C-alpha atoms as a PDB file:
ATOM      1  CA  MET A   1       5.542  13.837  11.766  1.00  0.00           C
ATOM      2  CA  THR A   2       4.850  17.067   9.937  1.00  0.00           C
ATOM      3  CA  ASN A   3       4.564  16.966   6.204  1.00  0.00           C
ATOM      4  CA  ALA A   4       7.070  18.918   4.154  1.00  0.00           C
ATOM      5  CA  LEU A   5       4.818  19.642   1.180  1.00  0.00           C
ATOM      6  CA  PRO A   6       2.312  22.485   0.931  1.00  0.00           C
ATOM      7  CA  PRO A   7      -1.371  21.543   0.622  1.00  0.00           C
ATOM      8  CA  PRO A   8      -1.944  20.135  -2.866  1.00  0.00           C
ATOM      9  CA  GLN A   9      -4.459  21.483  -5.345  1.00  0.00           C
ATOM     10  CA  THR A  10      -5.403  17.960  -6.455  1.00  0.00           C
ATOM     11  CA  ILE A  11      -5.255  14.510  -4.867  1.00  0.00           C
ATOM     12  CA  SER A  12      -6.051  11.391  -6.881  1.00  0.00           C
ATOM     13  CA  ALA A  13      -5.441   7.678  -7.160  1.00  0.00           C
ATOM     14  CA  GLU A  14      -5.452   5.462 -10.231  1.00  0.00           C
ATOM     15  CA  CYS A  15      -4.801   1.900 -11.292  1.00  0.00           C
ATOM     16  CA  VAL A  16      -1.622   1.484 -13.319  1.00  0.00           C
ATOM     17  CA  GLU A  17      -1.409  -1.199 -15.981  1.00  0.00           C
ATOM     18  CA  SER A  18       1.946  -0.020 -17.342  1.00  0.00           C
ATOM     19  CA  PHE A  19       4.305   2.882 -16.917  1.00  0.00           C
ATOM     20  CA  THR A  20       4.612   5.314 -19.800  1.00  0.00           C
ATOM     21  CA  ASP A  21       6.380   8.106 -17.929  1.00  0.00           C
ATOM     22  CA  GLU A  22       9.847   7.564 -16.435  1.00  0.00           C
ATOM     23  CA  ALA A  23       9.128  10.364 -13.954  1.00  0.00           C
ATOM     24  CA  ASP A  24       6.386   8.204 -12.427  1.00  0.00           C
ATOM     25  CA  ILE A  25       8.789   5.284 -11.879  1.00  0.00           C
ATOM     26  CA  HIS A  26      11.390   7.572 -10.308  1.00  0.00           C
ATOM     27  CA  ALA A  27       8.807   9.267  -8.064  1.00  0.00           C
ATOM     28  CA  LEU A  28       7.294   5.947  -6.988  1.00  0.00           C
ATOM     29  CA  ALA A  29      10.692   4.446  -6.194  1.00  0.00           C
ATOM     30  CA  GLU A  30      11.690   7.575  -4.257  1.00  0.00           C
ATOM     31  CA  ALA A  31       8.429   7.576  -2.278  1.00  0.00           C
ATOM     32  CA  ALA A  32       8.739   3.861  -1.434  1.00  0.00           C
ATOM     33  CA  THR A  33      12.362   4.288  -0.376  1.00  0.00           C
ATOM     34  CA  ALA A  34      11.472   7.236   1.850  1.00  0.00           C
ATOM     35  CA  ALA A  35       8.655   5.216   3.447  1.00  0.00           C
ATOM     36  CA  ILE A  36      11.017   2.296   4.107  1.00  0.00           C
ATOM     37  CA  LEU A  37      13.636   4.590   5.657  1.00  0.00           C
ATOM     38  CA  ASP A  38      10.901   6.077   7.860  1.00  0.00           C
ATOM     39  CA  GLY A  39      10.017   2.588   9.125  1.00  0.00           C
ATOM     40  CA  GLY A  40       6.915   2.441   6.955  1.00  0.00           C
ATOM     41  CA  GLY A  41       6.968  -1.239   6.251  1.00  0.00           C
ATOM     42  CA  PHE A  42       6.646  -2.364   2.668  1.00  0.00           C
ATOM     43  CA  GLY A  43       8.367  -5.603   3.679  1.00  0.00           C
ATOM     44  CA  TRP A  44      11.856  -4.212   3.402  1.00  0.00           C
ATOM     45  CA  VAL A  45      13.673  -3.181   6.561  1.00  0.00           C
ATOM     46  CA  LYS A  46      16.575  -1.635   4.661  1.00  0.00           C
ATOM     47  CA  ALA A  47      15.915   0.297   1.481  1.00  0.00           C
ATOM     48  CA  PRO A  48      17.222  -1.441  -1.639  1.00  0.00           C
ATOM     49  CA  LYS A  49      19.263   0.337  -4.277  1.00  0.00           C
ATOM     50  CA  ARG A  50      17.302   2.747  -6.454  1.00  0.00           C
ATOM     51  CA  GLU A  51      17.721   0.500  -9.508  1.00  0.00           C
ATOM     52  CA  THR A  52      16.330  -2.476  -7.586  1.00  0.00           C
ATOM     53  CA  MET A  53      13.331  -0.487  -6.403  1.00  0.00           C
ATOM     54  CA  GLU A  54      12.632   0.860  -9.896  1.00  0.00           C
ATOM     55  CA  GLN A  55      12.901  -2.633 -11.384  1.00  0.00           C
ATOM     56  CA  TYR A  56      10.520  -3.974  -8.756  1.00  0.00           C
ATOM     57  CA  MET A  57       7.978  -1.204  -9.445  1.00  0.00           C
ATOM     58  CA  ARG A  58       8.178  -1.750 -13.208  1.00  0.00           C
ATOM     59  CA  GLY A  59       7.395  -5.417 -12.668  1.00  0.00           C
ATOM     60  CA  VAL A  60       4.350  -5.062 -10.422  1.00  0.00           C
ATOM     61  CA  PRO A  61       1.849  -4.284 -13.226  1.00  0.00           C
ATOM     62  CA  LEU A  62       3.181  -7.261 -15.195  1.00  0.00           C
ATOM     63  CA  VAL A  63       2.139  -9.786 -12.541  1.00  0.00           C
ATOM     64  CA  PRO A  64      -1.359 -11.112 -13.370  1.00  0.00           C
ATOM     65  CA  GLU A  65      -2.315 -11.515  -9.693  1.00  0.00           C
ATOM     66  CA  ARG A  66      -1.363  -7.915  -8.814  1.00  0.00           C
ATOM     67  CA  GLU A  67      -3.122  -4.596  -9.211  1.00  0.00           C
ATOM     68  CA  LEU A  68      -1.077  -1.446  -8.640  1.00  0.00           C
ATOM     69  CA  ILE A  69      -2.785   1.709  -7.413  1.00  0.00           C
ATOM     70  CA  VAL A  70      -0.719   4.893  -7.294  1.00  0.00           C
ATOM     71  CA  GLY A  71      -1.596   8.067  -5.435  1.00  0.00           C
ATOM     72  CA  ARG A  72      -0.815  11.512  -6.788  1.00  0.00           C
ATOM     73  CA  MET A  73      -0.786  15.013  -5.428  1.00  0.00           C
ATOM     74  CA  ASP A  74      -0.702  17.711  -8.094  1.00  0.00           C
ATOM     75  CA  GLY A  75       0.125  14.991 -10.633  1.00  0.00           C
ATOM     76  CA  ILE A  76       3.201  13.633  -8.832  1.00  0.00           C
ATOM     77  CA  VAL A  77       3.269  10.079  -7.425  1.00  0.00           C
ATOM     78  CA  TYR A  78       3.811  10.058  -3.649  1.00  0.00           C
ATOM     79  CA  GLY A  79       2.297   6.721  -2.636  1.00  0.00           C
ATOM     80  CA  ALA A  80       0.802   3.430  -3.725  1.00  0.00           C
ATOM     81  CA  ALA A  81      -0.830   0.170  -2.730  1.00  0.00           C
ATOM     82  CA  GLN A  82      -1.151  -3.238  -4.296  1.00  0.00           C
ATOM     83  CA  LEU A  83      -4.005  -5.694  -4.447  1.00  0.00           C
ATOM     84  CA  GLN A  84      -2.875  -9.314  -4.362  1.00  0.00           C
ATOM     85  CA  LYS A  85      -5.488 -11.569  -5.942  1.00  0.00           C
ATOM     86  CA  PRO A  86      -5.757 -15.200  -4.870  1.00  0.00           C
ATOM     87  CA  SER A  87      -4.107 -17.803  -7.056  1.00  0.00           C
ATOM     88  CA  ARG A  88      -6.361 -19.342  -9.686  1.00  0.00           C
ATOM     89  CA  ASN A  89      -6.441 -22.705  -7.947  1.00  0.00           C
ATOM     90  CA  ASN A  90      -7.655 -21.188  -4.662  1.00  0.00           C
ATOM     91  CA  GLU A  91     -11.395 -21.471  -5.262  1.00  0.00           C
ATOM     92  CA  ALA A  92     -12.239 -21.407  -1.547  1.00  0.00           C
ATOM     93  CA  GLN A  93     -10.734 -17.926  -1.142  1.00  0.00           C
ATOM     94  CA  SER A  94     -11.563 -16.557  -4.577  1.00  0.00           C
ATOM     95  CA  HIS A  95     -13.947 -14.081  -2.917  1.00  0.00           C
ATOM     96  CA  SER A  96     -11.166 -12.197  -1.125  1.00  0.00           C
ATOM     97  CA  VAL A  97      -8.235 -10.009  -2.101  1.00  0.00           C
ATOM     98  CA  HIS A  98      -5.282  -8.796  -0.016  1.00  0.00           C
ATOM     99  CA  LEU A  99      -4.155  -5.160   0.269  1.00  0.00           C
ATOM    100  CA  MET A 100      -0.396  -4.894   0.598  1.00  0.00           C
ATOM    101  CA  HIS A 101       2.465  -2.400   0.339  1.00  0.00           C
ATOM    102  CA  HIS A 102       0.209   0.569   1.090  1.00  0.00           C
ATOM    103  CA  PHE A 103       2.399   3.610   1.725  1.00  0.00           C
ATOM    104  CA  VAL A 104       2.802   7.349   1.329  1.00  0.00           C
ATOM    105  CA  ALA A 105       6.178   9.098   1.390  1.00  0.00           C
ATOM    106  CA  PRO A 106       6.686  10.650   4.838  1.00  0.00           C
ATOM    107  CA  TYR A 107       7.130  14.146   3.397  1.00  0.00           C
ATOM    108  CA  ALA A 108       3.728  13.867   1.654  1.00  0.00           C
ATOM    109  CA  ARG A 109       1.673  12.681   4.630  1.00  0.00           C
ATOM    110  CA  GLY A 110      -1.083  14.635   6.283  1.00  0.00           C
ATOM    111  CA  HIS A 111      -3.034  15.536   3.144  1.00  0.00           C
ATOM    112  CA  GLY A 112      -5.317  12.489   2.930  1.00  0.00           C
ATOM    113  CA  LEU A 113      -3.481  10.674   0.148  1.00  0.00           C
ATOM    114  CA  ALA A 114      -3.347   7.344   2.023  1.00  0.00           C
ATOM    115  CA  ARG A 115      -7.144   7.405   2.415  1.00  0.00           C
ATOM    116  CA  VAL A 116      -7.639   8.232  -1.286  1.00  0.00           C
ATOM    117  CA  ILE A 117      -5.373   5.306  -2.279  1.00  0.00           C
ATOM    118  CA  LEU A 118      -7.190   2.973   0.132  1.00  0.00           C
ATOM    119  CA  ARG A 119     -10.617   3.928  -1.188  1.00  0.00           C
ATOM    120  CA  LYS A 120      -9.453   3.492  -4.788  1.00  0.00           C
ATOM    121  CA  ALA A 121      -8.148   0.028  -3.868  1.00  0.00           C
ATOM    122  CA  GLU A 122     -11.517  -0.843  -2.316  1.00  0.00           C
ATOM    123  CA  ASP A 123     -13.355   0.400  -5.404  1.00  0.00           C
ATOM    124  CA  ARG A 124     -11.056  -1.629  -7.657  1.00  0.00           C
ATOM    125  CA  ALA A 125     -11.536  -4.750  -5.525  1.00  0.00           C
ATOM    126  CA  ARG A 126     -15.322  -4.344  -5.761  1.00  0.00           C
ATOM    127  CA  ALA A 127     -15.113  -3.788  -9.531  1.00  0.00           C
ATOM    128  CA  LEU A 128     -13.157  -7.040  -9.823  1.00  0.00           C
ATOM    129  CA  GLY A 129     -15.930  -8.855  -7.943  1.00  0.00           C
ATOM    130  CA  PHE A 130     -14.223  -9.414  -4.594  1.00  0.00           C
ATOM    131  CA  ARG A 131     -16.346  -9.506  -1.450  1.00  0.00           C
ATOM    132  CA  VAL A 132     -13.665  -9.173   1.223  1.00  0.00           C
ATOM    133  CA  LEU A 133     -10.522  -7.055   1.499  1.00  0.00           C
ATOM    134  CA  ASN A 134      -7.820  -8.374   3.850  1.00  0.00           C
ATOM    135  CA  LEU A 135      -4.686  -6.646   5.086  1.00  0.00           C
ATOM    136  CA  ASP A 136      -2.002  -6.941   7.714  1.00  0.00           C
ATOM    137  CA  VAL A 137       0.160  -4.270   9.306  1.00  0.00           C
ATOM    138  CA  ARG A 138       2.986  -3.987  11.829  1.00  0.00           C
ATOM    139  CA  GLU A 139       1.856  -2.796  15.252  1.00  0.00           C
ATOM    140  CA  THR A 140       4.333   0.084  14.937  1.00  0.00           C
ATOM    141  CA  GLN A 141       2.354   1.604  12.040  1.00  0.00           C
ATOM    142  CA  LYS A 142       0.021   3.616  14.278  1.00  0.00           C
ATOM    143  CA  GLY A 143      -1.122   6.000  11.537  1.00  0.00           C
ATOM    144  CA  ALA A 144      -1.996   3.138   9.188  1.00  0.00           C
ATOM    145  CA  ILE A 145      -3.836   1.286  11.952  1.00  0.00           C
ATOM    146  CA  SER A 146      -5.858   4.403  12.746  1.00  0.00           C
ATOM    147  CA  LEU A 147      -6.705   4.846   9.055  1.00  0.00           C
ATOM    148  CA  TYR A 148      -7.788   1.234   8.561  1.00  0.00           C
ATOM    149  CA  GLU A 149      -9.929   1.206  11.683  1.00  0.00           C
ATOM    150  CA  SER A 150     -11.546   4.545  10.762  1.00  0.00           C
ATOM    151  CA  GLU A 151     -12.401   3.080   7.338  1.00  0.00           C
ATOM    152  CA  GLY A 152     -14.264   0.135   8.861  1.00  0.00           C
ATOM    153  CA  PHE A 153     -11.633  -2.594   8.846  1.00  0.00           C
ATOM    154  CA  ILE A 154     -12.046  -5.125  11.632  1.00  0.00           C
ATOM    155  CA  ARG A 155      -9.035  -6.488  13.489  1.00  0.00           C
ATOM    156  CA  TRP A 156      -9.422 -10.217  13.817  1.00  0.00           C
ATOM    157  CA  GLY A 157      -6.040 -11.221  15.164  1.00  0.00           C
ATOM    158  CA  THR A 158      -2.510 -10.376  16.185  1.00  0.00           C
ATOM    159  CA  HIS A 159       0.660 -12.324  15.474  1.00  0.00           C
ATOM    160  CA  PRO A 160       3.248 -11.596  18.208  1.00  0.00           C
ATOM    161  CA  ALA A 161       6.277 -12.288  15.973  1.00  0.00           C
ATOM    162  CA  TYR A 162       4.908 -10.959  12.670  1.00  0.00           C
ATOM    163  CA  ALA A 163       8.105  -9.162  11.618  1.00  0.00           C
ATOM    164  CA  TRP A 164      11.749  -9.070  12.662  1.00  0.00           C
ATOM    165  CA  VAL A 165      13.183  -5.548  12.673  1.00  0.00           C
ATOM    166  CA  LYS A 166      16.557  -4.471  14.066  1.00  0.00           C
ATOM    167  CA  GLY A 167      16.915  -7.607  16.142  1.00  0.00           C
ATOM    168  CA  HIS A 168      13.429  -7.511  17.667  1.00  0.00           C
ATOM    169  CA  ALA A 169      10.143  -9.245  16.999  1.00  0.00           C
ATOM    170  CA  ILE A 170       7.363  -6.855  16.041  1.00  0.00           C
ATOM    171  CA  ALA A 171       3.726  -7.868  16.370  1.00  0.00           C
ATOM    172  CA  GLY A 172       1.390  -7.535  13.427  1.00  0.00           C
ATOM    173  CA  HIS A 173      -2.350  -7.057  13.234  1.00  0.00           C
ATOM    174  CA  PHE A 174      -4.679  -8.699  10.731  1.00  0.00           C
ATOM    175  CA  TYR A 175      -7.782  -6.945   9.388  1.00  0.00           C
ATOM    176  CA  TYR A 176     -10.654  -7.561   7.008  1.00  0.00           C
ATOM    177  CA  LYS A 177     -13.473  -5.518   5.540  1.00  0.00           C
ATOM    178  CA  SER A 178     -16.612  -6.704   3.805  1.00  0.00           C
ATOM    179  CA  LEU A 179     -16.949  -5.011   0.411  1.00  0.00           C
ATOM    180  CA  LYS A 180     -20.664  -5.740   0.000  1.00  0.00           C
END
């Protein structure tokens, strides 16, 4: 897919603890919806209503076990990822964190934003003291798979019925990366 945006002057990613700008919520919800409609995962198969998506995004930074990382090009949010920390009672897996809902709007792809978001997520995971970053992805997400493998993630398994999309089982791949 060709991107629809001109090359940006700046690309960045940051952790968000709360939203202070309504434009960021609207842009994030729009980007997530576009990614869902493009088949980009995010758990949803059908895009929810805008209000539902905005409410969901507002709530992510409020969840103690979640870290939200947003990606910007020229100051506008076009993508994000979340780190899911283990529950407090899970001492055996307290060394690892899970990357989830990593996406970039289809019209903003091709500029390296997904990689910038991923690296920021890795840096944040290290800063929080985690030693391993886990993730899983549908087999249909070829671009994401290529990115993860190029960044040193190791595929350790495949689930043949990982997701159910449009009446068909879709396999999913599981990856990890040592952060030490």
